[in-house]
């Protein structure tokens, strides 16, 4: 059990649900007309969306372990904790079975999510989300598995941006509201860019070993110097987009407390700028993932005006 938990890479899970949290709390926010939450939010949808997303992330981690393991990409040159197949604690056959089981469980969770969101009506929406769910599962597996794995051709950034940014945030919000809110594109894009930032940081760390293994990530293709500039663009753009979202949403001063999450992000950028040895970037992976998760939590609290309630009730004695 210990080895399977390690293979699931729990440290990646908070990042994967960041978009779900933002998209869900946006559905719970007070409307412009009244200072009460909207009535479209559902805890069943929220729980199943979280479960489905966690399943996709764990599936992706298992598939990456398997794909990189059997291809020999995970070798002595790789930085960071040894993966399960690389270290020999889990066989490729056992991991392959785990991928199949996790795929089935994730699909069942997605079907339940679709049913509770749309019921027996809105067949077109249900079919669209079913296809989207199957594509997400297939994409999670094909990132490193197979001869045409797209992660080895530099398309991993696109997958992460689309599924962990746009689909995660906008997709889950649509399950509640049955409509697209274009204001939500801003934080959805921001979450996607930060998620790509985590992947880019991972690829910067592994540039040398990936190059030897013919894993042509964007970092391998453009080189370490340009990869740093790309990284600055991802993180800074995300921070600007969230600020723009707050301004357009006419947030009160207390609703800007999400900028507290910018402090570790700025420190992270400083560390990346000063770094001369990519292998030393490994600790920054966790920091960036948790900073993104913290930003999503703070932004979600600001959306539903809970920050103001906490200040009033805890610090001002309910006045």
Protein backbone atom coordinates (compact mmCIF):
# COMPACT_ATOMS: atom_id res chain seq x y z
CA UNK A 1 0.00 0.00 0.00
CA UNK A 2 2.87 2.36 0.83
CA UNK A 3 4.35 1.95 -2.66
CA UNK A 4 0.99 2.55 -4.37
CA UNK A 5 0.46 5.72 -2.33
CA UNK A 6 3.89 6.92 -3.39
CA UNK A 7 3.11 6.06 -7.02
CA UNK A 8 -0.09 8.14 -6.78
CA UNK A 9 2.14 11.13 -5.92
CA UNK A 10 -0.11 12.81 -3.39
CA UNK A 11 1.79 16.09 -3.63
CA UNK A 12 0.33 16.62 -7.12
CA UNK A 13 -3.30 16.28 -6.01
CA UNK A 14 -3.92 19.78 -4.53
CA UNK A 15 -2.88 21.39 -7.81
CA UNK A 16 -5.27 19.20 -9.81
CA UNK A 17 -8.36 20.35 -7.86
CA UNK A 18 -7.54 24.07 -7.92
CA UNK A 19 -9.74 24.69 -10.96
CA UNK A 20 -12.59 22.65 -9.46
CA UNK A 21 -12.52 24.79 -6.31
CA UNK A 22 -12.55 28.10 -8.21
CA UNK A 23 -15.24 27.02 -10.69
CA UNK A 24 -17.43 25.60 -7.93
CA UNK A 25 -17.19 28.56 -5.58
CA UNK A 26 -17.96 30.87 -8.50
CA UNK A 27 -21.30 29.06 -8.72
CA UNK A 28 -21.84 29.67 -5.00
CA UNK A 29 -20.98 33.38 -5.05
CA UNK A 30 -23.58 36.05 -4.25
CA UNK A 31 -25.24 37.49 -7.34
CA UNK A 32 -24.94 41.12 -8.36
CA UNK A 33 -28.56 41.76 -7.48
CA UNK A 34 -28.77 40.14 -4.05
CA UNK A 35 -26.27 39.45 -1.29
CA UNK A 36 -27.12 35.76 -1.05
CA UNK A 37 -25.55 32.75 -2.77
CA UNK A 38 -26.93 31.54 -6.06
CA UNK A 39 -29.11 28.42 -5.96
CA UNK A 40 -27.26 26.46 -8.67
CA UNK A 41 -24.53 25.05 -6.43
CA UNK A 42 -24.74 21.37 -5.47
CA UNK A 43 -22.54 19.53 -2.97
CA UNK A 44 -23.13 16.27 -4.87
CA UNK A 45 -21.73 17.79 -8.05
CA UNK A 46 -18.84 19.31 -6.12
CA UNK A 47 -17.94 16.01 -4.43
CA UNK A 48 -18.14 13.97 -7.63
CA UNK A 49 -16.18 16.60 -9.58
CA UNK A 50 -13.43 16.46 -6.96
CA UNK A 51 -13.44 12.66 -7.02
CA UNK A 52 -13.30 12.53 -10.84
CA UNK A 53 -10.47 15.05 -11.03
CA UNK A 54 -8.46 13.24 -8.37
CA UNK A 55 -9.01 10.01 -10.30
CA UNK A 56 -7.69 11.64 -13.48
CA UNK A 57 -4.61 12.95 -11.69
CA UNK A 58 -3.81 9.61 -10.08
CA UNK A 59 -4.39 7.90 -13.43
CA UNK A 60 -2.00 10.36 -15.07
CA UNK A 61 0.62 9.70 -12.38
CA UNK A 62 0.30 5.91 -12.78
CA UNK A 63 0.50 6.23 -16.58
CA UNK A 64 3.55 8.51 -16.40
CA UNK A 65 5.25 6.06 -14.07
CA UNK A 66 4.50 3.22 -16.48
CA UNK A 67 5.30 5.08 -19.71
CA UNK A 68 8.58 6.61 -18.55
CA UNK A 69 9.49 3.39 -16.75
CA UNK A 70 9.16 1.02 -19.69
CA UNK A 71 10.80 3.54 -22.06
CA UNK A 72 13.79 3.90 -19.76
CA UNK A 73 13.29 7.65 -19.33
CA UNK A 74 13.28 7.14 -15.55
CA UNK A 75 16.91 6.24 -15.05
CA UNK A 76 19.88 7.17 -12.89
CA UNK A 77 20.03 10.62 -14.51
CA UNK A 78 16.53 11.55 -13.35
CA UNK A 79 16.25 14.06 -10.47
CA UNK A 80 13.74 13.70 -7.64
CA UNK A 81 12.20 10.69 -5.89
CA UNK A 82 12.50 7.37 -7.68
CA UNK A 83 9.29 6.21 -9.31
CA UNK A 84 7.71 2.84 -8.63
CA UNK A 85 8.71 0.98 -11.80
CA UNK A 86 12.13 2.64 -11.86
CA UNK A 87 12.89 1.38 -8.35
CA UNK A 88 11.33 -2.05 -8.98
CA UNK A 89 8.82 -1.93 -6.10
CA UNK A 90 5.92 -2.25 -8.58
CA UNK A 91 6.12 -4.32 -11.76
CA UNK A 92 5.04 -2.92 -15.15
CA UNK A 93 2.30 -5.57 -15.31
CA UNK A 94 0.87 -4.51 -11.94
CA UNK A 95 0.99 -0.85 -12.92
CA UNK A 96 -0.77 -1.62 -16.19
CA UNK A 97 -3.60 -3.30 -14.24
CA UNK A 98 -3.77 -0.30 -11.92
CA UNK A 99 -4.12 2.00 -14.94
CA UNK A 100 -7.05 -0.05 -16.24
CA UNK A 101 -8.78 -0.16 -12.84
CA UNK A 102 -8.26 3.56 -12.20
CA UNK A 103 -9.58 4.36 -15.69
CA UNK A 104 -12.77 2.38 -15.04
CA UNK A 105 -13.33 3.94 -11.60
CA UNK A 106 -12.72 7.44 -12.96
CA UNK A 107 -15.13 6.88 -15.83
CA UNK A 108 -17.82 5.62 -13.42
CA UNK A 109 -17.30 8.69 -11.27
CA UNK A 110 -17.59 10.91 -14.37
CA UNK A 111 -20.84 9.18 -15.41
CA UNK A 112 -22.30 9.72 -11.94
CA UNK A 113 -21.23 13.37 -12.09
CA UNK A 114 -22.91 13.83 -15.46
CA UNK A 115 -26.11 12.17 -14.23
CA UNK A 116 -26.41 14.35 -11.12
CA UNK A 117 -25.66 17.47 -13.18
CA UNK A 118 -28.06 16.88 -16.07
CA UNK A 119 -30.39 14.06 -14.96
CA UNK A 120 -32.32 12.42 -17.77
CA UNK A 121 -32.67 15.68 -19.69
CA UNK A 122 -30.07 17.69 -21.61
CA UNK A 123 -28.93 14.61 -23.52
CA UNK A 124 -26.65 16.70 -25.74
CA UNK A 125 -24.81 18.11 -22.71
CA UNK A 126 -24.55 14.65 -21.17
CA UNK A 127 -23.08 13.14 -24.34
CA UNK A 128 -20.66 16.05 -24.71
CA UNK A 129 -19.37 15.62 -21.15
CA UNK A 130 -19.15 11.85 -21.58
CA UNK A 131 -16.96 12.30 -24.65
CA UNK A 132 -14.94 14.94 -22.77
CA UNK A 133 -14.45 12.51 -19.87
CA UNK A 134 -13.27 9.73 -22.18
CA UNK A 135 -10.89 12.15 -23.91
CA UNK A 136 -9.51 13.25 -20.55
CA UNK A 137 -8.87 9.65 -19.51
CA UNK A 138 -7.26 8.81 -22.86
CA UNK A 139 -5.12 11.97 -22.70
CA UNK A 140 -3.97 11.18 -19.16
CA UNK A 141 -2.75 7.78 -20.36
CA UNK A 142 -1.30 8.84 -23.70
CA UNK A 143 0.93 11.53 -22.19
CA UNK A 144 3.83 9.09 -21.87
CA UNK A 145 2.35 5.70 -22.86
CA UNK A 146 2.72 4.34 -26.39
CA UNK A 147 4.95 5.04 -29.36
CA UNK A 148 3.11 8.29 -30.16
CA UNK A 149 2.98 9.63 -26.59
CA UNK A 150 2.36 13.36 -26.96
CA UNK A 151 4.41 14.23 -23.86
CA UNK A 152 7.48 13.12 -25.83
CA UNK A 153 6.60 15.58 -28.62
CA UNK A 154 6.16 18.70 -26.52
CA UNK A 155 2.35 18.77 -26.30
CA UNK A 156 2.09 18.17 -22.56
CA UNK A 157 1.74 21.90 -21.88
CA UNK A 158 -1.36 22.06 -24.09
CA UNK A 159 -3.00 19.11 -22.31
CA UNK A 160 -2.34 20.56 -18.86
CA UNK A 161 -3.59 24.03 -19.82
CA UNK A 162 -6.80 22.75 -21.41
CA UNK A 163 -7.81 20.08 -18.89
CA UNK A 164 -6.47 21.47 -15.60
CA UNK A 165 -7.29 25.07 -16.47
CA UNK A 166 -10.15 25.63 -18.88
CA UNK A 167 -12.01 22.32 -18.61
CA UNK A 168 -11.55 22.03 -14.86
CA UNK A 169 -12.73 25.55 -14.03
CA UNK A 170 -15.20 26.37 -16.79
CA UNK A 171 -16.37 22.79 -17.18
CA UNK A 172 -17.32 22.28 -13.55
CA UNK A 173 -19.05 25.67 -13.38
CA UNK A 174 -21.16 24.74 -16.42
CA UNK A 175 -22.30 21.62 -14.58
CA UNK A 176 -23.93 23.90 -12.00
CA UNK A 177 -25.14 26.85 -14.06
CA UNK A 178 -25.66 25.24 -17.52
CA UNK A 179 -24.12 28.34 -19.07
CA UNK A 180 -20.70 29.84 -19.77
CA UNK A 181 -19.71 32.93 -17.82
CA UNK A 182 -16.99 34.68 -19.81
CA UNK A 183 -15.63 36.47 -16.72
CA UNK A 184 -14.59 33.04 -15.46
CA UNK A 185 -12.24 32.64 -18.44
CA UNK A 186 -9.76 34.89 -16.64
CA UNK A 187 -9.20 32.77 -13.49
CA UNK A 188 -9.59 29.58 -15.56
CA UNK A 189 -6.76 30.72 -17.83
CA UNK A 190 -4.71 31.73 -14.77
CA UNK A 191 -5.09 28.29 -13.14
CA UNK A 192 -4.17 26.69 -16.47
CA UNK A 193 -1.03 28.82 -16.81
CA UNK A 194 0.09 28.07 -13.26
CA UNK A 195 -0.48 24.35 -13.84
CA UNK A 196 1.63 24.55 -17.00
CA UNK A 197 4.21 26.35 -14.86
CA UNK A 198 4.49 23.30 -12.62
CA UNK A 199 5.00 21.06 -15.66
CA UNK A 200 7.52 23.47 -17.16
CA UNK A 201 9.44 23.53 -13.89
CA UNK A 202 9.48 19.73 -13.88
CA UNK A 203 10.77 19.74 -17.47
CA UNK A 204 13.42 22.35 -16.64
CA UNK A 205 14.65 20.13 -13.83
CA UNK A 206 14.73 17.06 -16.09
CA UNK A 207 16.10 18.73 -19.22
CA UNK A 208 19.37 16.79 -19.30
CA UNK A 209 17.82 13.34 -18.75
CA UNK A 210 14.89 14.07 -21.10
CA UNK A 211 17.30 15.12 -23.85
CA UNK A 212 19.21 11.83 -23.51
CA UNK A 213 15.93 9.87 -23.61
CA UNK A 214 14.59 11.73 -26.67
CA UNK A 215 11.70 13.16 -24.64
CA UNK A 216 11.25 16.37 -26.62
CA UNK A 217 9.49 18.58 -24.11
CA UNK A 218 9.20 22.30 -24.83
CA UNK A 219 12.19 22.87 -22.54
CA UNK A 220 14.30 20.43 -24.57
CA UNK A 221 13.19 22.13 -27.79
CA UNK A 222 13.83 25.76 -26.74
CA UNK A 223 16.62 25.31 -24.19
CA UNK A 224 16.98 26.28 -20.55
CA UNK A 225 17.45 30.04 -21.03
CA UNK A 226 14.27 30.49 -23.06
CA UNK A 227 12.45 28.05 -20.77
CA UNK A 228 13.08 30.47 -17.88
CA UNK A 229 11.54 33.33 -19.86
CA UNK A 230 8.60 31.08 -20.73
CA UNK A 231 8.24 30.33 -17.02
CA UNK A 232 8.19 34.03 -16.10
CA UNK A 233 5.47 34.57 -18.71
CA UNK A 234 3.31 31.76 -17.29
CA UNK A 235 3.45 32.90 -13.66
CA UNK A 236 3.27 36.67 -14.20
CA UNK A 237 0.43 36.36 -16.73
CA UNK A 238 -1.55 34.24 -14.27
CA UNK A 239 -1.18 36.84 -11.51
CA UNK A 240 -2.22 39.66 -13.86
CA UNK A 241 -5.28 37.76 -15.08
CA UNK A 242 -6.55 37.10 -11.55
CA UNK A 243 -6.11 40.78 -10.68
CA UNK A 244 -7.98 41.76 -13.84
CA UNK A 245 -10.77 39.36 -12.90
CA UNK A 246 -11.08 41.00 -9.46
CA UNK A 247 -11.17 44.48 -10.98
CA UNK A 248 -13.81 43.57 -13.56
CA UNK A 249 -15.85 41.84 -10.82
CA UNK A 250 -15.70 45.08 -8.78
CA UNK A 251 -14.30 43.37 -5.69
CA UNK A 252 -14.26 45.16 -2.37
CA UNK A 253 -10.92 45.79 -0.68
CA UNK A 254 -11.26 42.72 1.59
CA UNK A 255 -11.84 40.52 -1.47
CA UNK A 256 -8.30 41.24 -2.67
CA UNK A 257 -6.75 39.12 0.09
CA UNK A 258 -6.00 36.48 -2.53
CA UNK A 259 -2.91 38.56 -3.38
CA UNK A 260 -1.31 37.02 -0.28
CA UNK A 261 -0.70 33.98 -2.48
CA UNK A 262 1.40 36.22 -4.76
CA UNK A 263 4.12 36.42 -2.10
CA UNK A 264 5.35 32.81 -2.51
CA UNK A 265 4.85 33.09 -6.28
CA UNK A 266 7.15 36.12 -6.46
CA UNK A 267 9.70 34.39 -4.23
CA UNK A 268 9.51 31.38 -6.52
CA UNK A 269 10.22 33.53 -9.58
CA UNK A 270 13.24 35.01 -7.81
CA UNK A 271 14.56 31.52 -7.05
CA UNK A 272 14.12 30.43 -10.67
CA UNK A 273 15.84 33.58 -11.94
CA UNK A 274 18.90 32.97 -9.74
CA UNK A 275 19.10 29.25 -10.43
CA UNK A 276 22.11 27.99 -12.38
CA UNK A 277 21.68 24.27 -11.76
CA UNK A 278 18.30 22.88 -12.99
CA UNK A 279 18.52 19.86 -10.68
CA UNK A 280 18.17 22.20 -7.69
CA UNK A 281 14.71 23.28 -8.88
CA UNK A 282 13.09 20.11 -7.53
CA UNK A 283 11.89 21.68 -4.21
CA UNK A 284 10.22 24.48 -6.19
CA UNK A 285 7.77 22.01 -7.73
CA UNK A 286 5.97 21.51 -4.43
CA UNK A 287 6.14 25.21 -3.59
CA UNK A 288 4.58 26.28 -6.89
CA UNK A 289 1.86 23.61 -6.72
CA UNK A 290 0.91 24.58 -3.17
CA UNK A 291 1.03 28.29 -4.02
CA UNK A 292 -1.43 27.66 -6.85
CA UNK A 293 -3.67 25.70 -4.50
CA UNK A 294 -3.47 28.50 -1.90
CA UNK A 295 -4.40 31.07 -4.55
CA UNK A 296 -7.43 28.99 -5.58
CA UNK A 297 -8.58 28.65 -1.96
CA UNK A 298 -8.18 32.36 -1.18
CA UNK A 299 -9.82 33.40 -4.44
CA UNK A 300 -12.71 31.02 -3.77
CA UNK A 301 -13.21 32.45 -0.27
CA UNK A 302 -13.17 35.96 -1.71
CA UNK A 303 -15.73 34.97 -4.36
CA UNK A 304 -18.28 33.86 -1.78
CA UNK A 305 -17.43 36.77 0.55
CA UNK A 306 -16.31 34.45 3.34
CA UNK A 307 -13.23 36.56 3.99
CA UNK A 308 -15.44 39.40 5.18
CA UNK A 309 -17.49 37.03 7.38
CA UNK A 310 -14.32 35.62 8.95
CA UNK A 311 -12.95 39.09 9.72
CA UNK A 312 -16.25 40.27 11.20
CA UNK A 313 -16.97 37.18 13.29
CA UNK A 314 -13.45 36.29 14.45
CA UNK A 315 -11.72 39.63 14.79
CA UNK A 316 -14.60 42.07 15.35
CA UNK A 317 -16.77 39.90 17.56
CA UNK A 318 -19.64 39.61 15.10
CA UNK A 319 -20.20 43.36 14.70
